[in-house]
Amino acid sequence: FDDVNPPVHALAALMVWRIDGSRDTRFLKGIFHKLLMNFTWWLNREDASGRDLFSGGFLGLDNLSAFDRSNLPVAGTLEQSDATGWMALYALHMATISMILGRNGEPTSDLTVKFLEHFALIRNALDVQGLWDEHDGFYYDRLVLDDGARIPIKVRSMVGVLPVLAS
C-alpha cells in the first residue's frame, strides 16, 4: 500500500467545484495551494530523469503487469506511459483551476502558462521519447536499465490507453 495513487486530486477538486454550482472559488483557491505542492512532489520524485516521463508503481489502471512495477526485477527505472498520461492530465486540470481563479481576481496568469508548458513538455515526451510505438499505434511502458539500455514492455493493457486521453 505504499505505492502512489494516480494524481487525480485536481480533477476531483474541479468536479466538486462544478457539482457545487461552480461558485465556491474560495474552496478552489484553498485547494489549489495544496495541489501546487503535490504537483511539485510528482515532478521532483516521480520524474527521476527530469525528462518528463513519470513512474509511480501501481497507478490503479493495470493490475495485470508483466512484473511488479514497484519492485523491478532488474536494476533500473520504469518509465510508465500511464503515469506520464496522468501527469499530462494533472497539468491540464491545474491550468484550468488557475484560469478559473484568474477570472475571479487571483493573479494566476503566470501559473496558468506554467501548467500549459508542463502539459506541452509531457505530451512531447510521450510521443518523442519512445513510449509511443508507431507500428503498433499504442503506448508502452519502458524499462531503462542502469547501463542505459531501453526496453519497451510490450504488454497491451489499460496502461497504453490513458495517454490518449491527454492528447
Foldseek 3Di string as FASTA:
>chain_A
DPWDEQPCVLVVQVVVCVVVPVPPLVSLVVVLVVLVVVLVCQQPPQCPPNQLFGATWDHPFDPPAPDRQVDDPAAFHKRFLQSLLSSLVSLVSSLVSLVSVVVVPDPRPVVNVVSVVSNVSSLCCQPPVPQADPVVRWGFMWTQHPVGDIHTRPDDGVRGVSNVVSD
